[in-house]
């Protein structure tokens, strides 16, 4: 096996693992996520880099669609609970993340996964689609079959809970180790995207 062939094989394996992680974060189900990722992934050896990038973007959308379909009923129940939640999502509201809030710089992919899976389905899906995947609100509204106002509320809840989950975990660890918490990234969304892309 040549070096180039081995590299392509590693890239393909990493890509399938990435599709699995996306499906798993949305569904919280390993078996369904494995099936979705394996069925969606195809060879990355395309005619041009442009086509390859486009195809991978399309595959991620396909994974998202299939994952949301697999949890349709649970997602609808979670959306109803989010609708009923008494929370102020306007400027200065308790659901809004702090603009200069920081997250622990040592947070790992496993920490992020655990923190995300602790969030209820609909807020987690809104957070993943809008922040991690960078989808437009119109696309997220179509995929989630929900009103943009509700999705914005869910995103705010998700951001607040994710920040609390990560900060709480690392605060406890630092107290046990008697270590000073280092200053994390200043922009929450920037940190989230960096973590998602660099896992």
C-alpha atoms as a PDB file:
ATOM      1  CA  UNK A   1       0.000   0.000   0.000  1.00  0.00           C
ATOM      2  CA  UNK A   2       1.444   3.346  -1.028  1.00  0.00           C
ATOM      3  CA  UNK A   3       1.659   6.333   1.293  1.00  0.00           C
ATOM      4  CA  UNK A   4      -0.971   8.161  -0.750  1.00  0.00           C
ATOM      5  CA  UNK A   5      -3.342   5.184  -0.616  1.00  0.00           C
ATOM      6  CA  UNK A   6      -2.884   4.873   3.149  1.00  0.00           C
ATOM      7  CA  UNK A   7      -3.554   8.588   3.592  1.00  0.00           C
ATOM      8  CA  UNK A   8      -6.733   8.374   1.505  1.00  0.00           C
ATOM      9  CA  UNK A   9      -7.891   5.389   3.559  1.00  0.00           C
ATOM     10  CA  UNK A  10      -7.249   7.267   6.814  1.00  0.00           C
ATOM     11  CA  UNK A  11      -9.080  10.329   5.482  1.00  0.00           C
ATOM     12  CA  UNK A  12     -12.040   8.170   4.484  1.00  0.00           C
ATOM     13  CA  UNK A  13     -12.137   6.480   7.891  1.00  0.00           C
ATOM     14  CA  UNK A  14     -11.986   9.838   9.664  1.00  0.00           C
ATOM     15  CA  UNK A  15     -14.739  11.177   7.444  1.00  0.00           C
ATOM     16  CA  UNK A  16     -17.076   8.273   8.209  1.00  0.00           C
ATOM     17  CA  UNK A  17     -16.309   8.730  11.917  1.00  0.00           C
ATOM     18  CA  UNK A  18     -17.174  12.416  11.561  1.00  0.00           C
ATOM     19  CA  UNK A  19     -20.524  11.573   9.947  1.00  0.00           C
ATOM     20  CA  UNK A  20     -21.202   9.112  12.764  1.00  0.00           C
ATOM     21  CA  UNK A  21     -20.410  11.743  15.403  1.00  0.00           C
ATOM     22  CA  UNK A  22     -22.776  14.223  13.763  1.00  0.00           C
ATOM     23  CA  UNK A  23     -25.601  11.668  13.675  1.00  0.00           C
ATOM     24  CA  UNK A  24     -24.881  10.575  17.246  1.00  0.00           C
ATOM     25  CA  UNK A  25     -24.943  14.124  18.607  1.00  0.00           C
ATOM     26  CA  UNK A  26     -28.330  14.642  16.976  1.00  0.00           C
ATOM     27  CA  UNK A  27     -29.941  11.316  17.908  1.00  0.00           C
ATOM     28  CA  UNK A  28     -28.057  10.157  20.993  1.00  0.00           C
ATOM     29  CA  UNK A  29     -28.344   6.609  19.566  1.00  0.00           C
ATOM     30  CA  UNK A  30     -25.272   4.630  18.593  1.00  0.00           C
ATOM     31  CA  UNK A  31     -26.938   1.944  16.476  1.00  0.00           C
ATOM     32  CA  UNK A  32     -28.958   4.387  14.389  1.00  0.00           C
ATOM     33  CA  UNK A  33     -25.936   6.673  13.975  1.00  0.00           C
ATOM     34  CA  UNK A  34     -23.708   3.852  12.747  1.00  0.00           C
ATOM     35  CA  UNK A  35     -26.313   2.861  10.174  1.00  0.00           C
ATOM     36  CA  UNK A  36     -26.800   6.448   8.977  1.00  0.00           C
ATOM     37  CA  UNK A  37     -23.060   7.130   8.684  1.00  0.00           C
ATOM     38  CA  UNK A  38     -22.218   3.890   6.900  1.00  0.00           C
ATOM     39  CA  UNK A  39     -25.114   4.209   4.452  1.00  0.00           C
ATOM     40  CA  UNK A  40     -24.308   7.838   3.662  1.00  0.00           C
ATOM     41  CA  UNK A  41     -20.548   7.650   3.261  1.00  0.00           C
ATOM     42  CA  UNK A  42     -19.190   6.964  -0.222  1.00  0.00           C
ATOM     43  CA  UNK A  43     -15.727   7.089  -1.722  1.00  0.00           C
ATOM     44  CA  UNK A  44     -14.014  10.474  -1.432  1.00  0.00           C
ATOM     45  CA  UNK A  45     -12.159   9.885  -4.720  1.00  0.00           C
ATOM     46  CA  UNK A  46     -13.955  12.302  -7.040  1.00  0.00           C
ATOM     47  CA  UNK A  47     -12.978  13.977 -10.270  1.00  0.00           C
ATOM     48  CA  UNK A  48     -12.066  17.303  -8.687  1.00  0.00           C
ATOM     49  CA  UNK A  49     -11.540  18.805  -5.221  1.00  0.00           C
ATOM     50  CA  UNK A  50     -14.495  21.117  -5.817  1.00  0.00           C
ATOM     51  CA  UNK A  51     -16.861  18.231  -6.473  1.00  0.00           C
ATOM     52  CA  UNK A  52     -15.486  16.333  -3.482  1.00  0.00           C
ATOM     53  CA  UNK A  53     -16.141  19.284  -1.132  1.00  0.00           C
ATOM     54  CA  UNK A  54     -19.631  19.757  -2.550  1.00  0.00           C
ATOM     55  CA  UNK A  55     -20.417  16.043  -2.187  1.00  0.00           C
ATOM     56  CA  UNK A  56     -19.249  15.986   1.419  1.00  0.00           C
ATOM     57  CA  UNK A  57     -21.408  19.003   2.230  1.00  0.00           C
ATOM     58  CA  UNK A  58     -24.375  17.260   0.639  1.00  0.00           C
ATOM     59  CA  UNK A  59     -23.655  14.090   2.622  1.00  0.00           C
ATOM     60  CA  UNK A  60     -23.645  16.038   5.894  1.00  0.00           C
ATOM     61  CA  UNK A  61     -27.081  17.439   5.018  1.00  0.00           C
ATOM     62  CA  UNK A  62     -28.250  13.903   4.244  1.00  0.00           C
ATOM     63  CA  UNK A  63     -26.985  12.659   7.624  1.00  0.00           C
ATOM     64  CA  UNK A  64     -28.764  15.534   9.380  1.00  0.00           C
ATOM     65  CA  UNK A  65     -32.020  14.806   7.542  1.00  0.00           C
ATOM     66  CA  UNK A  66     -31.905  11.085   8.293  1.00  0.00           C
ATOM     67  CA  UNK A  67     -30.954  11.635  11.927  1.00  0.00           C
ATOM     68  CA  UNK A  68     -33.803  14.086  12.499  1.00  0.00           C
ATOM     69  CA  UNK A  69     -36.239  11.712  10.791  1.00  0.00           C
ATOM     70  CA  UNK A  70     -35.125   8.889  13.101  1.00  0.00           C
ATOM     71  CA  UNK A  71     -36.025  10.945  16.188  1.00  0.00           C
ATOM     72  CA  UNK A  72     -39.039  12.765  14.721  1.00  0.00           C
ATOM     73  CA  UNK A  73     -41.523  11.978  17.506  1.00  0.00           C
ATOM     74  CA  UNK A  74     -39.079  12.657  20.352  1.00  0.00           C
ATOM     75  CA  UNK A  75     -37.983  15.869  18.637  1.00  0.00           C
ATOM     76  CA  UNK A  76     -41.605  17.037  18.347  1.00  0.00           C
ATOM     77  CA  UNK A  77     -42.181  16.361  22.061  1.00  0.00           C
ATOM     78  CA  UNK A  78     -39.020  18.264  22.947  1.00  0.00           C
ATOM     79  CA  UNK A  79     -40.096  21.168  20.726  1.00  0.00           C
ATOM     80  CA  UNK A  80     -43.401  21.372  22.610  1.00  0.00           C
ATOM     81  CA  UNK A  81     -41.567  21.440  25.931  1.00  0.00           C
ATOM     82  CA  UNK A  82     -39.272  24.166  24.604  1.00  0.00           C
ATOM     83  CA  UNK A  83     -42.306  26.168  23.492  1.00  0.00           C
ATOM     84  CA  UNK A  84     -43.738  25.986  27.017  1.00  0.00           C
ATOM     85  CA  UNK A  85     -40.465  26.840  28.762  1.00  0.00           C
ATOM     86  CA  UNK A  86     -40.646  30.142  30.602  1.00  0.00           C
ATOM     87  CA  UNK A  87     -37.502  31.873  29.520  1.00  0.00           C
ATOM     88  CA  UNK A  88     -36.515  35.298  28.219  1.00  0.00           C
ATOM     89  CA  UNK A  89     -34.511  34.949  25.024  1.00  0.00           C
ATOM     90  CA  UNK A  90     -34.314  38.671  24.274  1.00  0.00           C
ATOM     91  CA  UNK A  91     -31.218  40.779  24.849  1.00  0.00           C
ATOM     92  CA  UNK A  92     -30.119  40.455  28.422  1.00  0.00           C
ATOM     93  CA  UNK A  93     -32.348  37.447  29.016  1.00  0.00           C
ATOM     94  CA  UNK A  94     -31.201  34.554  31.144  1.00  0.00           C
ATOM     95  CA  UNK A  95     -31.013  32.217  28.145  1.00  0.00           C
ATOM     96  CA  UNK A  96     -28.506  34.342  26.279  1.00  0.00           C
ATOM     97  CA  UNK A  97     -24.866  33.271  26.647  1.00  0.00           C
ATOM     98  CA  UNK A  98     -22.487  35.861  28.044  1.00  0.00           C
ATOM     99  CA  UNK A  99     -20.896  37.796  25.225  1.00  0.00           C
ATOM    100  CA  UNK A 100     -17.459  37.554  26.727  1.00  0.00           C
ATOM    101  CA  UNK A 101     -18.032  34.325  28.594  1.00  0.00           C
ATOM    102  CA  UNK A 102     -15.171  31.888  28.433  1.00  0.00           C
ATOM    103  CA  UNK A 103     -15.010  28.127  28.323  1.00  0.00           C
ATOM    104  CA  UNK A 104     -12.309  25.934  29.711  1.00  0.00           C
ATOM    105  CA  UNK A 105      -9.527  25.662  27.085  1.00  0.00           C
ATOM    106  CA  UNK A 106      -8.806  22.054  28.075  1.00  0.00           C
ATOM    107  CA  UNK A 107     -12.255  20.784  27.110  1.00  0.00           C
ATOM    108  CA  UNK A 108     -11.909  17.692  24.938  1.00  0.00           C
ATOM    109  CA  UNK A 109     -14.132  16.182  22.279  1.00  0.00           C
ATOM    110  CA  UNK A 110     -15.435  13.729  24.883  1.00  0.00           C
ATOM    111  CA  UNK A 111     -16.247  16.621  27.241  1.00  0.00           C
ATOM    112  CA  UNK A 112     -18.079  18.411  24.443  1.00  0.00           C
ATOM    113  CA  UNK A 113     -20.032  15.285  23.508  1.00  0.00           C
ATOM    114  CA  UNK A 114     -21.085  14.658  27.100  1.00  0.00           C
ATOM    115  CA  UNK A 115     -22.112  18.296  27.566  1.00  0.00           C
ATOM    116  CA  UNK A 116     -24.147  18.293  24.349  1.00  0.00           C
ATOM    117  CA  UNK A 117     -25.925  14.998  25.024  1.00  0.00           C
ATOM    118  CA  UNK A 118     -27.055  16.359  28.408  1.00  0.00           C
ATOM    119  CA  UNK A 119     -29.144  18.968  26.555  1.00  0.00           C
ATOM    120  CA  UNK A 120     -32.736  18.155  25.580  1.00  0.00           C
ATOM    121  CA  UNK A 121     -33.251  17.089  21.944  1.00  0.00           C
ATOM    122  CA  UNK A 122     -34.758  20.192  20.352  1.00  0.00           C
ATOM    123  CA  UNK A 123     -32.398  22.783  21.891  1.00  0.00           C
ATOM    124  CA  UNK A 124     -29.473  20.477  21.106  1.00  0.00           C
ATOM    125  CA  UNK A 125     -30.552  20.098  17.477  1.00  0.00           C
ATOM    126  CA  UNK A 126     -31.001  23.863  17.089  1.00  0.00           C
ATOM    127  CA  UNK A 127     -27.547  24.440  18.582  1.00  0.00           C
ATOM    128  CA  UNK A 128     -25.893  21.839  16.347  1.00  0.00           C
ATOM    129  CA  UNK A 129     -27.518  23.058  13.150  1.00  0.00           C
ATOM    130  CA  UNK A 130     -27.069  26.800  13.657  1.00  0.00           C
ATOM    131  CA  UNK A 131     -23.760  26.994  15.545  1.00  0.00           C
ATOM    132  CA  UNK A 132     -21.813  23.838  14.712  1.00  0.00           C
ATOM    133  CA  UNK A 133     -23.017  23.311  11.151  1.00  0.00           C
ATOM    134  CA  UNK A 134     -23.541  27.006  10.402  1.00  0.00           C
ATOM    135  CA  UNK A 135     -26.849  26.475   8.613  1.00  0.00           C
ATOM    136  CA  UNK A 136     -29.069  29.412   7.686  1.00  0.00           C
ATOM    137  CA  UNK A 137     -32.142  29.880   9.850  1.00  0.00           C
ATOM    138  CA  UNK A 138     -34.418  29.138   6.879  1.00  0.00           C
ATOM    139  CA  UNK A 139     -32.714  25.761   6.367  1.00  0.00           C
ATOM    140  CA  UNK A 140     -32.824  24.942  10.076  1.00  0.00           C
ATOM    141  CA  UNK A 141     -36.528  25.837  10.179  1.00  0.00           C
ATOM    142  CA  UNK A 142     -37.212  23.436   7.310  1.00  0.00           C
ATOM    143  CA  UNK A 143     -35.183  20.604   8.819  1.00  0.00           C
ATOM    144  CA  UNK A 144     -36.655  21.037  12.290  1.00  0.00           C
ATOM    145  CA  UNK A 145     -40.160  21.805  10.965  1.00  0.00           C
ATOM    146  CA  UNK A 146     -40.411  24.697  13.401  1.00  0.00           C
ATOM    147  CA  UNK A 147     -40.872  28.453  13.540  1.00  0.00           C
ATOM    148  CA  UNK A 148     -37.658  30.553  13.576  1.00  0.00           C
ATOM    149  CA  UNK A 149     -38.749  32.224  16.829  1.00  0.00           C
ATOM    150  CA  UNK A 150     -38.933  28.848  18.563  1.00  0.00           C
ATOM    151  CA  UNK A 151     -35.614  27.786  17.049  1.00  0.00           C
ATOM    152  CA  UNK A 152     -33.921  30.970  18.309  1.00  0.00           C
ATOM    153  CA  UNK A 153     -35.320  30.266  21.769  1.00  0.00           C
ATOM    154  CA  UNK A 154     -34.062  26.676  21.588  1.00  0.00           C
ATOM    155  CA  UNK A 155     -30.630  27.830  20.417  1.00  0.00           C
ATOM    156  CA  UNK A 156     -30.362  30.236  23.354  1.00  0.00           C
ATOM    157  CA  UNK A 157     -31.357  27.469  25.784  1.00  0.00           C
ATOM    158  CA  UNK A 158     -28.851  25.113  24.197  1.00  0.00           C
ATOM    159  CA  UNK A 159     -26.007  27.629  24.368  1.00  0.00           C
ATOM    160  CA  UNK A 160     -26.749  28.424  27.994  1.00  0.00           C
ATOM    161  CA  UNK A 161     -26.909  24.761  28.992  1.00  0.00           C
ATOM    162  CA  UNK A 162     -23.789  23.821  27.032  1.00  0.00           C
ATOM    163  CA  UNK A 163     -21.816  26.625  28.661  1.00  0.00           C
ATOM    164  CA  UNK A 164     -23.067  25.602  32.111  1.00  0.00           C
ATOM    165  CA  UNK A 165     -22.347  21.905  31.497  1.00  0.00           C
ATOM    166  CA  UNK A 166     -18.777  22.539  30.372  1.00  0.00           C
ATOM    167  CA  UNK A 167     -18.006  25.219  32.933  1.00  0.00           C
ATOM    168  CA  UNK A 168     -19.455  23.132  35.770  1.00  0.00           C
ATOM    169  CA  UNK A 169     -17.464  20.051  34.819  1.00  0.00           C
ATOM    170  CA  UNK A 170     -14.163  21.846  34.617  1.00  0.00           C
ATOM    171  CA  UNK A 171     -14.763  23.991  37.684  1.00  0.00           C
ATOM    172  CA  UNK A 172     -15.197  20.821  39.733  1.00  0.00           C
ATOM    173  CA  UNK A 173     -12.084  19.255  38.235  1.00  0.00           C
ATOM    174  CA  UNK A 174     -10.000  22.356  38.897  1.00  0.00           C
ATOM    175  CA  UNK A 175     -11.167  22.535  42.501  1.00  0.00           C
ATOM    176  CA  UNK A 176     -10.143  18.917  43.049  1.00  0.00           C
ATOM    177  CA  UNK A 177      -6.748  19.524  41.479  1.00  0.00           C
ATOM    178  CA  UNK A 178      -6.413  22.961  43.064  1.00  0.00           C
ATOM    179  CA  UNK A 179      -5.577  24.472  39.706  1.00  0.00           C
ATOM    180  CA  UNK A 180      -6.356  27.930  38.475  1.00  0.00           C
ATOM    181  CA  UNK A 181      -8.847  28.020  35.592  1.00  0.00           C
ATOM    182  CA  UNK A 182      -7.127  29.520  32.571  1.00  0.00           C
ATOM    183  CA  UNK A 183      -8.912  32.097  30.493  1.00  0.00           C
ATOM    184  CA  UNK A 184     -10.709  30.460  27.557  1.00  0.00           C
ATOM    185  CA  UNK A 185     -11.685  31.796  24.153  1.00  0.00           C
ATOM    186  CA  UNK A 186     -13.660  35.023  24.334  1.00  0.00           C
ATOM    187  CA  UNK A 187     -16.207  34.170  21.673  1.00  0.00           C
ATOM    188  CA  UNK A 188     -18.392  31.165  22.456  1.00  0.00           C
ATOM    189  CA  UNK A 189     -19.433  30.471  18.869  1.00  0.00           C
ATOM    190  CA  UNK A 190     -15.829  30.704  17.664  1.00  0.00           C
ATOM    191  CA  UNK A 191     -14.769  28.161  20.275  1.00  0.00           C
ATOM    192  CA  UNK A 192     -17.611  25.825  19.363  1.00  0.00           C
ATOM    193  CA  UNK A 193     -16.803  25.903  15.666  1.00  0.00           C
ATOM    194  CA  UNK A 194     -13.083  25.439  16.322  1.00  0.00           C
ATOM    195  CA  UNK A 195     -13.737  22.439  18.562  1.00  0.00           C
ATOM    196  CA  UNK A 196     -16.148  20.895  16.065  1.00  0.00           C
ATOM    197  CA  UNK A 197     -13.726  21.315  13.159  1.00  0.00           C
ATOM    198  CA  UNK A 198     -10.580  20.253  15.002  1.00  0.00           C
ATOM    199  CA  UNK A 199     -11.750  17.050  16.671  1.00  0.00           C
END
